[in-house]
Amino acid sequence: MLRGFAPVVAADTHTLVLGSFPGEASLVATQYYAHPRNQFWRLLGSVTGEALLHELPYDARLKRVLAHGIGIWDVLDACHREGSLDSAIRNAQPNDFASLREHAPRLRKVCFNGKAAGRFADVIGAAGYETLVLPSSSPANAMLSFEQKLLLWRKIVS
């Protein structure tokens, strides 16, 4: 059974970006979105006006994102999976979203990084959060260009 990461949130986090589950590169590095071709950090940097976010050391990236009131987590806490594709996920165990209110009491908006994570949008929305399903930042999602993804990702801060 593979285990995911703790949430990156603070008391003033108002927006949360949820992925499905860390890929192999992220699990090895113990960092969210560690695959060098994943566009997550470039997209989030562009959205927040932190154009060089993806070039910062990981801990500095997390601090900058939190400074904008944005948190990071995944919908799944644990699963079985070979490789990094969401379609290979088996025996999925969701994270404890009820605990979010304790750690991020100002949380209002939950954005989903891709359709696999977005399957939880209705459940999260029913808990009273505004939801937004975004195109995946994964290199496996090559149907949209960076610019096309960015147009939709800008809705994170609107």
Foldseek 3Di string as FASTA:
>chain_A
DDFADDKLAAQQQAEEEAEAGAFPQCSVVVAHPRDPQQCVQCLLCVLQVNNCLVVDPRVVSSVVCVVVSYMYYYQFGDFDADGGDPVRTHPTHGDDVVCCCVGHVNHAEYEYQDDSRVVCVVVVVVVHHHYHYAHHSDPVPPPDDPVRRSVRSNVSVD
